[in-house]
Amino acid sequence: MSLKDEVKTLLENKEFERLAEMAKDKQRVVRYLLSFLYSTNDLLHWRAAEALGAVAGRQGSDSSDSGRNIPRRLIWSLMEESGATAWPAPEALGAVVSSRISVYPDLAPIALSFIEDPVLSRGVLWSARKIAEKRPDLIADSIPKVMELLDSADATLRGHAAWALGAMRAAEARPALEKLTGDAGALAIYEAGELVDTTVGELAKSSLRELARAGAR
């Protein structure tokens, strides 16, 4: 079995930590994970993003510049001057930042800075959720932009925005989320290594519960 095939098999089996171990000695693992970000298989794409987070979480020491190689490559691909097709980069960047939030706090606002690009919005919203689960304060300034997407015609964006706002502790979003509780728009979210079918309304309800718990503390 080629190394690329081995990486794919490990992704299919959700063996993210095994991939992180392999990447220590085999630099091509990162190259293959980056290539799988562009997979037309949506689940494989998401798992590649999560695996890159696991790999980045083990790269270098907290004071080492080597640990920033992956996020640096992802951010560069999002810049216009790179000439890259960067639609899968935001979710990978979010996975990387959330994997070592104490090392990459400065990258959290950068991950959210691409939210107005319609091609990138889904990945940015997913990243907002993942980062906010660790440090909602780092991206609090992005709450208004996330709330704007609650009005999107795209159920995928409405749902991901609703899901993100609960973790972001966006108390000001309660009225808008309450209006969405009956929204039957269907979408899938990536969580715990799987794509989970849900609705905008269910995600809005979930975030309202999160906000209620946060307000009780």
Protein backbone atom coordinates (compact mmCIF):
# COMPACT_ATOMS: atom_id res chain seq x y z
CA MET A 1 0.00 0.00 0.00
CA SER A 2 1.32 3.43 -0.92
CA LEU A 3 1.66 6.08 1.76
CA LYS A 4 -1.14 8.09 0.15
CA ASP A 5 -3.45 5.07 0.27
CA GLU A 6 -2.46 4.48 3.90
CA VAL A 7 -3.31 8.09 4.77
CA LYS A 8 -6.69 7.71 3.07
CA THR A 9 -7.42 4.48 4.95
CA LEU A 10 -6.55 6.11 8.26
CA LEU A 11 -8.87 9.01 7.44
CA GLU A 12 -11.65 6.59 6.61
CA ASN A 13 -11.11 4.94 10.00
CA LYS A 14 -10.90 8.29 11.85
CA GLU A 15 -7.40 7.50 13.13
CA PHE A 16 -6.37 11.13 13.47
CA GLU A 17 -3.82 10.61 16.23
CA ARG A 18 -2.15 7.84 14.23
CA LEU A 19 -1.81 10.26 11.33
CA ALA A 20 -0.32 12.86 13.67
CA GLU A 21 2.26 10.31 14.81
CA MET A 22 3.14 9.36 11.24
CA ALA A 23 3.56 12.99 10.23
CA LYS A 24 6.42 13.38 12.71
CA ASP A 25 8.65 11.17 10.57
CA LYS A 26 6.99 11.39 7.16
CA GLN A 27 6.52 14.92 5.86
CA ARG A 28 4.53 13.64 2.88
CA VAL A 29 1.64 12.87 5.25
CA VAL A 30 0.89 16.59 5.47
CA ARG A 31 1.06 16.93 1.69
CA TYR A 32 -1.45 14.12 1.25
CA LEU A 33 -3.76 15.50 3.93
CA LEU A 34 -3.72 18.86 2.14
CA SER A 35 -4.60 17.11 -1.12
CA PHE A 36 -7.51 15.26 0.54
CA LEU A 37 -8.93 18.61 1.60
CA TYR A 38 -9.96 18.95 -2.05
CA SER A 39 -11.72 15.58 -2.17
CA THR A 40 -15.17 15.51 -3.74
CA ASN A 41 -16.07 13.08 -0.95
CA ASP A 42 -17.32 15.61 1.62
CA LEU A 43 -16.69 13.34 4.61
CA LEU A 44 -13.11 12.64 3.51
CA HIS A 45 -12.59 16.38 3.06
CA TRP A 46 -13.76 17.15 6.61
CA ARG A 47 -11.71 14.36 8.12
CA ALA A 48 -8.61 15.66 6.33
CA ALA A 49 -9.26 19.05 7.95
CA GLU A 50 -9.57 17.46 11.38
CA ALA A 51 -6.44 15.39 10.82
CA LEU A 52 -4.46 18.51 9.92
CA GLY A 53 -5.55 19.93 13.26
CA ALA A 54 -4.24 16.84 15.01
CA VAL A 55 -0.94 17.04 13.12
CA ALA A 56 -0.48 20.75 13.82
CA GLY A 57 -1.19 20.09 17.47
CA ARG A 58 1.98 18.03 17.66
CA GLN A 59 4.29 20.10 15.47
CA GLY A 60 7.14 21.86 17.23
CA SER A 61 7.17 23.27 20.74
CA ASP A 62 5.11 26.20 21.92
CA SER A 63 8.06 28.51 21.22
CA SER A 64 9.00 26.90 17.91
CA ASP A 65 8.27 28.47 14.54
CA SER A 66 7.99 25.02 12.94
CA GLY A 67 4.58 24.55 14.53
CA ARG A 68 3.21 27.35 12.36
CA ASN A 69 4.08 25.74 9.05
CA ILE A 70 0.61 24.28 8.48
CA PRO A 71 -1.45 27.35 9.46
CA ARG A 72 0.93 29.56 7.49
CA ARG A 73 0.35 27.48 4.36
CA LEU A 74 -3.40 27.56 4.85
CA ILE A 75 -3.51 31.32 5.38
CA TRP A 76 -1.31 31.90 2.33
CA SER A 77 -3.69 29.81 0.20
CA LEU A 78 -6.54 32.11 1.25
CA MET A 79 -4.76 35.23 0.04
CA GLU A 80 -5.62 36.46 -3.45
CA GLU A 81 -1.97 36.76 -4.40
CA SER A 82 -1.44 33.03 -3.81
CA GLY A 83 -3.50 32.18 -6.88
CA ALA A 84 -4.76 29.07 -5.08
CA THR A 85 -8.27 27.63 -5.05
CA ALA A 86 -8.74 27.89 -1.32
CA TRP A 87 -12.34 26.83 -0.67
CA PRO A 88 -11.36 24.02 1.75
CA ALA A 89 -8.79 26.02 3.73
CA PRO A 90 -11.00 27.77 6.35
CA GLU A 91 -12.18 24.58 8.05
CA ALA A 92 -8.64 23.22 8.13
CA LEU A 93 -7.41 26.48 9.63
CA GLY A 94 -10.15 26.32 12.25
CA ALA A 95 -9.20 22.77 13.15
CA VAL A 96 -5.55 23.79 13.47
CA VAL A 97 -6.22 26.85 15.60
CA SER A 98 -8.62 25.05 17.93
CA SER A 99 -6.19 22.15 18.34
CA ARG A 100 -3.63 24.44 20.04
CA ILE A 101 -5.58 27.48 21.04
CA SER A 102 -2.96 28.49 23.59
CA VAL A 103 -0.31 28.62 20.85
CA TYR A 104 -2.36 30.16 18.03
CA PRO A 105 -4.65 32.75 19.70
CA ASP A 106 -3.47 35.38 17.22
CA LEU A 107 -4.70 33.26 14.33
CA ALA A 108 -8.29 33.01 15.57
CA PRO A 109 -9.38 36.44 14.25
CA ILE A 110 -7.61 35.70 10.97
CA ALA A 111 -9.63 32.50 10.59
CA LEU A 112 -12.83 34.57 10.93
CA SER A 113 -11.69 37.35 8.63
CA PHE A 114 -12.82 35.50 5.49
CA ILE A 115 -16.46 35.20 6.58
CA GLU A 116 -17.80 37.56 3.91
CA ASP A 117 -16.51 35.41 1.05
CA PRO A 118 -19.53 33.27 0.02
CA VAL A 119 -17.29 30.45 -1.17
CA LEU A 120 -15.56 30.25 2.22
CA SER A 121 -18.41 31.10 4.61
CA ARG A 122 -19.40 27.55 5.56
CA GLY A 123 -15.86 26.64 6.57
CA VAL A 124 -15.40 29.91 8.43
CA LEU A 125 -18.61 29.36 10.42
CA TRP A 126 -17.56 25.82 11.30
CA SER A 127 -14.21 27.23 12.42
CA ALA A 128 -16.01 29.83 14.53
CA ARG A 129 -17.80 27.03 16.32
CA LYS A 130 -14.63 25.03 16.96
CA ILE A 131 -12.58 28.01 18.12
CA ALA A 132 -15.38 29.31 20.32
CA GLU A 133 -15.68 25.97 22.07
CA LYS A 134 -12.19 26.69 23.42
CA ARG A 135 -11.92 30.51 23.56
CA PRO A 136 -15.05 32.45 22.56
CA ASP A 137 -13.41 35.71 23.62
CA LEU A 138 -10.91 35.48 20.77
CA ILE A 139 -13.58 35.91 18.10
CA ALA A 140 -16.24 37.92 19.94
CA ASP A 141 -15.76 40.81 17.51
CA SER A 142 -17.04 38.58 14.70
CA ILE A 143 -20.47 38.00 16.29
CA PRO A 144 -22.25 40.69 14.18
CA LYS A 145 -20.93 39.17 10.94
CA VAL A 146 -22.00 35.69 12.01
CA MET A 147 -25.46 36.98 12.94
CA GLU A 148 -25.87 38.48 9.47
CA LEU A 149 -25.69 34.96 8.01
CA LEU A 150 -28.74 33.90 10.02
CA ASP A 151 -30.68 35.64 7.22
CA SER A 152 -28.93 33.76 4.42
CA ALA A 153 -31.08 32.07 1.78
CA ASP A 154 -28.78 29.05 2.13
CA ALA A 155 -29.85 26.68 4.90
CA THR A 156 -26.28 25.44 5.27
CA LEU A 157 -25.10 28.94 6.14
CA ARG A 158 -28.09 29.72 8.38
CA GLY A 159 -27.56 26.49 10.27
CA HIS A 160 -23.83 26.83 10.69
CA ALA A 161 -24.27 30.43 11.84
CA ALA A 162 -26.87 29.36 14.39
CA TRP A 163 -24.60 26.55 15.60
CA ALA A 164 -21.61 28.86 15.93
CA LEU A 165 -23.43 31.52 17.93
CA GLY A 166 -24.17 29.22 20.85
CA ALA A 167 -20.50 28.43 21.35
CA MET A 168 -19.64 32.10 20.81
CA ARG A 169 -21.80 32.97 23.86
CA ALA A 170 -23.65 35.52 21.72
CA ALA A 171 -26.44 36.55 24.08
CA GLU A 172 -27.50 39.26 21.65
CA ALA A 173 -28.38 36.55 19.11
CA ARG A 174 -31.19 35.06 21.25
CA PRO A 175 -34.11 36.85 19.51
CA ALA A 176 -32.84 35.92 16.05
CA LEU A 177 -32.22 32.33 17.10
CA GLU A 178 -35.70 32.07 18.59
CA LYS A 179 -37.17 33.06 15.21
CA LEU A 180 -35.29 30.18 13.59
CA THR A 181 -36.45 27.40 15.93
CA GLY A 182 -39.12 26.35 13.43
CA ASP A 183 -36.80 26.52 10.40
CA ALA A 184 -36.91 23.12 8.68
CA GLY A 185 -34.02 23.90 6.34
CA ALA A 186 -31.89 20.76 6.09
CA LEU A 187 -28.12 20.60 6.31
CA ALA A 188 -25.27 18.42 7.53
CA ILE A 189 -22.70 19.46 10.10
CA TYR A 190 -19.35 17.81 10.70
CA GLU A 191 -19.00 16.71 14.30
CA ALA A 192 -16.96 14.00 16.02
CA GLY A 193 -15.64 12.63 12.74
CA GLU A 194 -19.03 12.26 11.06
CA LEU A 195 -21.46 14.28 8.95
CA VAL A 196 -24.65 14.63 10.95
CA ASP A 197 -27.97 15.45 9.26
CA THR A 198 -29.94 18.14 11.08
CA THR A 199 -32.03 21.27 10.52
CA VAL A 200 -31.53 24.97 11.07
CA GLY A 201 -34.24 24.86 13.72
CA GLU A 202 -32.57 22.10 15.71
CA LEU A 203 -29.25 23.93 15.69
CA ALA A 204 -30.94 27.17 16.77
CA LYS A 205 -32.58 25.33 19.67
CA SER A 206 -29.25 23.77 20.63
CA SER A 207 -27.54 27.14 20.69
CA LEU A 208 -30.34 28.67 22.75
CA ARG A 209 -29.81 25.91 25.31
CA GLU A 210 -26.09 26.68 25.32
CA LEU A 211 -26.77 30.36 25.87
CA ALA A 212 -29.16 29.56 28.71
CA ARG A 213 -26.52 27.41 30.40
CA ALA A 214 -23.87 30.08 29.92
CA GLY A 215 -26.19 32.70 31.45
CA ALA A 216 -26.82 30.50 34.46
CA ARG A 217 -23.13 30.40 35.42
